[in-house]
Amino acid sequence: MSAGRAKRRDVAAVTAWLEHAAGALRGVFDAHPLAGRWVLAGPLALIAAFATMAAMPLWLPAGRAGVDNIVLPIVLTPLIWAVPFFYACLEPNLGRCALVLLAATLLQGLVVAVTMVV
């Protein structure tokens, strides 16, 4: 089997799994939409913002004084929190919103964890 065909099969498998996961989450959120939106816009948005703030010093340049990568996450805290909050409030598909916020949080957490280990 060619490498391109195997890669397409892997992408198709991941896409199918994500659609299945979004469907399962959509079922939970369809049963309790207000509670689901509250969880997404409240604690999950806050956790996503904290994970992003923790990872920002690792991928922001230090600047001329060497403190920009530390100061910017602190100064931009309201904006960093507002992005996942308003996304959770305005996204009509709550299953997709949950997957996006979880993926962003896990990705930022992975960046921090890898840096701490290395």
Protein backbone atom coordinates (compact mmCIF):
# COMPACT_ATOMS: atom_id res chain seq x y z
CA MET A 1 0.00 0.00 0.00
CA SER A 2 1.34 3.41 -0.88
CA ALA A 3 2.23 5.94 1.78
CA GLY A 4 -0.30 8.46 0.42
CA ARG A 5 -3.13 5.92 0.56
CA ALA A 6 -2.20 4.94 4.14
CA LYS A 7 -2.07 8.59 5.17
CA ARG A 8 -5.53 9.23 3.68
CA ARG A 9 -6.86 6.19 5.53
CA ASP A 10 -5.39 7.50 8.82
CA VAL A 11 -6.87 10.96 8.24
CA ALA A 12 -10.24 9.38 7.43
CA ALA A 13 -10.08 7.32 10.65
CA VAL A 14 -9.28 10.38 12.77
CA THR A 15 -12.03 12.37 11.07
CA ALA A 16 -14.54 9.57 11.69
CA TRP A 17 -13.51 9.38 15.35
CA LEU A 18 -13.85 13.15 15.80
CA GLU A 19 -17.30 13.09 14.18
CA HIS A 20 -18.31 10.26 16.50
CA ALA A 21 -16.99 12.12 19.56
CA ALA A 22 -18.72 15.33 18.51
CA GLY A 23 -21.95 13.39 18.00
CA ALA A 24 -21.70 11.87 21.47
CA LEU A 25 -21.01 15.25 23.04
CA ARG A 26 -23.82 16.77 21.01
CA GLY A 27 -26.19 14.19 22.51
CA VAL A 28 -25.17 15.17 26.03
CA PHE A 29 -25.45 18.87 25.24
CA ASP A 30 -28.80 18.44 23.47
CA ALA A 31 -30.19 16.89 26.65
CA HIS A 32 -28.90 19.73 28.85
CA PRO A 33 -27.96 22.71 26.64
CA LEU A 34 -27.94 25.38 29.35
CA ALA A 35 -25.80 23.34 31.73
CA GLY A 36 -23.45 22.38 28.90
CA ARG A 37 -22.99 25.96 27.77
CA TRP A 38 -22.44 27.01 31.39
CA VAL A 39 -19.68 24.40 31.83
CA LEU A 40 -18.04 25.34 28.51
CA ALA A 41 -18.16 29.10 29.08
CA GLY A 42 -17.30 28.88 32.77
CA PRO A 43 -14.77 26.38 34.09
CA LEU A 44 -13.56 25.04 30.74
CA ALA A 45 -12.95 28.54 29.33
CA LEU A 46 -11.05 29.46 32.49
CA ILE A 47 -8.93 26.29 32.32
CA ALA A 48 -8.22 26.92 28.63
CA ALA A 49 -7.15 30.49 29.42
CA PHE A 50 -4.85 29.36 32.25
CA ALA A 51 -3.28 26.68 30.03
CA THR A 52 -2.65 29.27 27.32
CA MET A 53 -1.17 31.71 29.83
CA ALA A 54 1.12 28.97 31.16
CA ALA A 55 2.35 28.11 27.66
CA MET A 56 2.75 31.67 26.34
CA PRO A 57 6.20 32.30 27.90
CA LEU A 58 7.44 29.25 26.02
CA TRP A 59 6.48 30.43 22.52
CA LEU A 60 6.60 34.22 22.86
CA PRO A 61 9.91 35.94 22.17
CA ALA A 62 11.60 37.45 25.22
CA GLY A 63 11.88 40.94 23.72
CA ARG A 64 14.64 43.50 24.27
CA ALA A 65 14.38 43.58 28.06
CA GLY A 66 13.85 39.83 28.35
CA VAL A 67 10.49 40.08 30.12
CA ASP A 68 7.94 40.40 27.30
CA ASN A 69 7.20 36.68 27.35
CA ILE A 70 6.31 36.95 31.06
CA VAL A 71 4.51 40.29 31.09
CA LEU A 72 2.32 39.82 28.00
CA PRO A 73 0.37 36.79 29.33
CA ILE A 74 -0.35 38.69 32.54
CA VAL A 75 -1.42 41.90 30.78
CA LEU A 76 -3.49 40.03 28.19
CA THR A 77 -5.31 37.86 30.77
CA PRO A 78 -8.77 39.36 30.08
CA LEU A 79 -8.39 38.90 26.32
CA ILE A 80 -7.01 35.38 26.68
CA TRP A 81 -10.02 34.45 28.83
CA ALA A 82 -12.54 36.29 26.64
CA VAL A 83 -11.73 34.32 23.48
CA PRO A 84 -12.79 30.87 24.79
CA PHE A 85 -15.63 32.41 26.82
CA PHE A 86 -17.26 34.15 23.86
CA TYR A 87 -16.56 31.19 21.60
CA ALA A 88 -18.44 28.95 24.06
CA CYS A 89 -21.28 31.47 24.29
CA LEU A 90 -21.67 32.00 20.53
CA GLU A 91 -20.94 28.55 19.05
CA PRO A 92 -24.22 26.87 18.04
CA ASN A 93 -22.69 23.37 18.00
CA LEU A 94 -21.75 22.66 21.63
CA GLY A 95 -20.11 19.33 20.83
CA ARG A 96 -17.68 21.00 18.44
CA CYS A 97 -17.09 23.76 20.99
CA ALA A 98 -16.19 21.21 23.65
CA LEU A 99 -13.78 19.43 21.29
CA VAL A 100 -12.10 22.68 20.23
CA LEU A 101 -11.67 23.93 23.80
CA LEU A 102 -10.42 20.55 25.03
CA ALA A 103 -7.98 20.25 22.12
CA ALA A 104 -6.62 23.76 22.69
CA THR A 105 -6.26 23.13 26.43
CA LEU A 106 -4.56 19.77 25.95
CA LEU A 107 -2.22 21.17 23.30
CA GLN A 108 -1.11 24.05 25.52
CA GLY A 109 -0.80 21.69 28.50
CA LEU A 110 1.29 19.33 26.39
CA VAL A 111 3.65 22.18 25.48
CA VAL A 112 4.13 23.02 29.15
CA ALA A 113 4.56 19.35 30.16
CA VAL A 114 7.13 18.65 27.45
CA THR A 115 9.11 21.73 28.44
CA MET A 116 9.08 20.70 32.10
CA VAL A 117 10.32 17.20 31.27
CA VAL A 118 13.04 18.28 28.85
